[in-house]
Amino acid sequence: MACREPITWGVVWTNAPQTDLYSGKSGGAGATDPQGYAEHDSTWFMYAGLNQQITRHADDPLRGMSVSLSGSLSDQRSNYIHSAVAASMRYRGLFDARPEDWIGFGLTWIDMSSHYARNQRYMNQLSGVTAYNDPAYQPVAGHSLNGELYYRFRPVSWLELQPGLQYWHRPGGVAQTQDAWVVEWKTVVTF
């Protein structure tokens, strides 16, 4: 099947000053640099996304399975999130009696900035804190994984209701954070 839907991609570049998440102006750690954290004259962010309907019903081309894949990469010197990748599957009109309903499942991987993690470790080293339960501890972020399952139903043409369930592995990218289940509810009203 030919790709009938657009692939989006882009680069965002800014010349607005951005503060480094670890490095100081003198070359060492910014936390103890007398001149403070380094400033960058520019920073960047790249993204790409693909959304493709891969099956269609003969009687309704809007019904069927769609898949998506997206990703981003950013300058980790000044952005907390270094990279993210997401994939999802959605099926619209799974039941003949409910052609406007959707069911979907998605996964997202998030990797935090190594500059940010290095700064957090350095702050803990400076304060002599090693225990996560210590109020002075600076959580060190790494990666996180999120999964989501939802069902969107349309009881009337102007209302969509979407209950869902998410599972977070390492919320916030912190290994010591307990995994979490999240129940969600989304409402869309179209005027």
Protein backbone atom coordinates (compact mmCIF):
# COMPACT_ATOMS: atom_id res chain seq x y z
CA MET A 1 0.00 0.00 0.00
CA ALA A 2 1.38 3.41 -0.93
CA CYS A 3 1.90 6.00 1.77
CA ARG A 4 -1.14 8.26 1.31
CA GLU A 5 -0.75 10.43 4.35
CA PRO A 6 1.95 12.99 5.02
CA ILE A 7 5.24 12.44 6.73
CA THR A 8 6.13 15.46 8.81
CA TRP A 9 9.62 16.44 9.81
CA GLY A 10 11.39 19.57 10.79
CA VAL A 11 14.12 21.33 12.65
CA VAL A 12 13.60 24.11 15.13
CA TRP A 13 16.62 26.31 15.69
CA THR A 14 16.65 29.30 17.99
CA ASN A 15 19.22 31.97 18.63
CA ALA A 16 17.63 32.86 21.96
CA PRO A 17 20.16 32.41 24.78
CA GLN A 18 19.82 29.03 26.52
CA THR A 19 21.41 28.04 29.83
CA ASP A 20 23.49 24.85 29.91
CA LEU A 21 22.14 22.16 32.22
CA TYR A 22 25.59 21.23 33.57
CA SER A 23 28.60 23.16 32.26
CA GLY A 24 29.81 26.38 33.80
CA LYS A 25 31.16 29.45 32.03
CA SER A 26 34.72 28.61 33.15
CA GLY A 27 34.51 25.03 31.82
CA GLY A 28 33.74 23.07 35.00
CA ALA A 29 30.40 22.36 36.61
CA GLY A 30 28.00 25.31 36.56
CA ALA A 31 26.79 24.62 40.09
CA THR A 32 30.16 25.69 41.54
CA ASP A 33 31.38 28.01 38.78
CA PRO A 34 31.78 31.56 40.17
CA GLN A 35 30.44 32.89 36.86
CA GLY A 36 27.46 30.51 36.84
CA TYR A 37 26.16 28.18 34.18
CA ALA A 38 27.31 28.54 30.57
CA GLU A 39 25.01 30.22 28.06
CA HIS A 40 24.55 28.96 24.50
CA ASP A 41 23.84 31.36 21.66
CA SER A 42 21.64 28.80 19.93
CA THR A 43 19.97 25.46 20.40
CA TRP A 44 18.05 23.03 18.21
CA PHE A 45 15.27 20.44 18.17
CA MET A 46 14.47 17.92 15.38
CA TYR A 47 11.26 15.95 14.96
CA ALA A 48 9.63 13.55 12.50
CA GLY A 49 6.29 11.82 12.36
CA LEU A 50 4.37 9.39 10.19
CA ASN A 51 0.68 8.53 10.38
CA GLN A 52 -0.66 5.92 7.96
CA GLN A 53 -3.99 4.16 7.56
CA ILE A 54 -3.08 0.57 6.66
CA THR A 55 -6.54 -1.05 6.33
CA ARG A 56 -9.88 0.29 5.09
CA HIS A 57 -13.46 -0.98 5.12
CA ALA A 58 -14.98 -1.33 1.65
CA ASP A 59 -18.11 0.57 2.69
CA ASP A 60 -16.35 3.34 4.67
CA PRO A 61 -12.78 4.46 3.86
CA LEU A 62 -12.47 6.20 7.25
CA ARG A 63 -12.83 2.91 9.13
CA GLY A 64 -9.79 0.72 9.63
CA MET A 65 -6.37 0.39 11.24
CA SER A 66 -3.93 3.30 11.40
CA VAL A 67 -0.39 3.30 12.72
CA SER A 68 1.87 6.16 13.67
CA LEU A 69 5.50 6.63 14.53
CA SER A 70 7.13 9.81 15.75
CA GLY A 71 10.42 10.83 17.23
CA SER A 72 12.37 13.83 18.38
CA LEU A 73 15.94 14.69 19.23
CA SER A 74 17.15 17.84 20.93
CA ASP A 75 20.30 19.60 22.05
CA GLN A 76 20.79 17.98 25.45
CA ARG A 77 23.08 20.75 26.65
CA SER A 78 20.03 22.94 27.25
CA ASN A 79 16.91 20.76 26.85
CA TYR A 80 15.76 18.41 29.64
CA ILE A 81 14.41 15.81 27.21
CA HIS A 82 17.10 14.55 24.84
CA SER A 83 15.01 12.18 22.75
CA ALA A 84 11.56 10.65 22.53
CA VAL A 85 10.09 7.94 20.31
CA ALA A 86 6.39 7.07 20.15
CA ALA A 87 4.46 4.39 18.25
CA SER A 88 0.72 3.80 18.20
CA MET A 89 -2.03 1.74 16.59
CA ARG A 90 -5.64 2.93 16.29
CA TYR A 91 -8.68 1.22 14.87
CA ARG A 92 -11.65 3.34 13.90
CA GLY A 93 -15.02 1.60 13.55
CA LEU A 94 -14.07 -1.76 15.04
CA PHE A 95 -17.76 -2.56 15.51
CA ASP A 96 -20.31 -2.08 12.71
CA ALA A 97 -22.78 -0.63 15.21
CA ARG A 98 -20.16 1.96 16.34
CA PRO A 99 -18.41 3.20 13.15
CA GLU A 100 -17.23 6.45 14.79
CA ASP A 101 -15.58 4.79 17.82
CA TRP A 102 -11.82 4.27 18.13
CA ILE A 103 -9.65 1.91 20.11
CA GLY A 104 -5.98 2.68 20.44
CA PHE A 105 -2.71 1.57 21.97
CA GLY A 106 0.57 3.43 22.13
CA LEU A 107 4.07 3.30 23.60
CA THR A 108 6.44 6.20 24.25
CA TRP A 109 10.13 6.06 25.19
CA ILE A 110 11.66 9.22 26.69
CA ASP A 111 15.39 9.72 27.31
CA MET A 112 16.43 12.63 29.49
CA SER A 113 19.45 14.89 28.96
CA SER A 114 22.82 13.52 30.08
CA HIS A 115 23.85 17.10 30.96
CA TYR A 116 20.87 17.37 33.30
CA ALA A 117 21.61 13.96 34.89
CA ARG A 118 25.27 14.88 35.31
CA ASN A 119 24.29 18.12 37.06
CA GLN A 120 21.94 16.27 39.42
CA ARG A 121 24.66 13.74 40.33
CA TYR A 122 27.10 16.59 40.93
CA MET A 123 24.62 18.43 43.18
CA ASN A 124 24.17 15.24 45.23
CA GLN A 125 27.94 14.84 45.47
CA LEU A 126 28.32 18.43 46.69
CA SER A 127 25.70 17.98 49.39
CA GLY A 128 26.91 14.50 50.35
CA VAL A 129 23.44 13.07 49.79
CA THR A 130 23.15 9.52 48.46
CA ALA A 131 19.71 8.39 49.66
CA TYR A 132 16.72 8.96 47.39
CA ASN A 133 14.46 9.46 50.44
CA ASP A 134 16.58 12.37 51.71
CA PRO A 135 14.71 15.66 51.05
CA ALA A 136 17.96 17.22 49.80
CA TYR A 137 18.47 14.50 47.16
CA GLN A 138 18.33 15.71 43.54
CA PRO A 139 16.64 12.96 41.47
CA VAL A 140 18.83 11.77 38.59
CA ALA A 141 16.78 11.32 35.44
CA GLY A 142 17.52 8.65 32.84
CA HIS A 143 14.74 7.18 30.71
CA SER A 144 11.03 6.49 31.02
CA LEU A 145 8.51 4.27 29.23
CA ASN A 146 4.78 4.93 28.95
CA GLY A 147 2.06 2.67 27.55
CA GLU A 148 -1.54 3.70 26.95
CA LEU A 149 -4.74 1.88 26.00
CA TYR A 150 -7.92 3.85 25.31
CA TYR A 151 -11.39 3.60 23.78
CA ARG A 152 -13.01 6.70 22.32
CA PHE A 153 -16.74 6.51 21.80
CA ARG A 154 -19.07 9.01 20.20
CA PRO A 155 -22.57 8.75 21.68
CA VAL A 156 -23.75 11.76 19.63
CA SER A 157 -22.15 13.68 16.76
CA TRP A 158 -20.92 16.55 18.96
CA LEU A 159 -19.57 14.55 21.93
CA GLU A 160 -16.61 12.17 22.28
CA LEU A 161 -15.77 10.38 25.52
CA GLN A 162 -12.45 8.61 25.99
CA PRO A 163 -11.63 6.47 29.02
CA GLY A 164 -8.10 5.12 29.10
CA LEU A 165 -5.42 3.44 31.13
CA GLN A 166 -1.72 4.31 31.19
CA TYR A 167 1.25 2.51 32.67
CA TRP A 168 4.41 4.48 33.49
CA HIS A 169 7.72 2.70 33.99
CA ARG A 170 10.16 5.01 35.80
CA PRO A 171 7.92 8.12 35.88
CA GLY A 172 9.95 11.26 35.30
CA GLY A 173 12.82 9.09 34.12
CA VAL A 174 13.89 8.41 37.71
CA ALA A 175 14.79 4.77 38.46
CA GLN A 176 13.80 5.07 42.14
CA THR A 177 10.30 6.32 41.29
CA GLN A 178 7.67 3.63 41.69
CA ASP A 179 5.97 2.53 38.47
CA ALA A 180 2.44 3.88 38.19
CA TRP A 181 -0.96 3.09 36.72
CA VAL A 182 -2.98 6.13 35.64
CA VAL A 183 -6.70 6.12 34.82
CA GLU A 184 -7.67 8.84 32.37
CA TRP A 185 -10.82 10.43 31.02
CA LYS A 186 -10.95 12.77 28.04
CA THR A 187 -14.03 14.64 26.82
CA VAL A 188 -14.33 16.42 23.46
CA VAL A 189 -17.27 18.72 22.74
CA THR A 190 -17.58 19.99 19.15
CA PHE A 191 -19.58 23.16 18.54
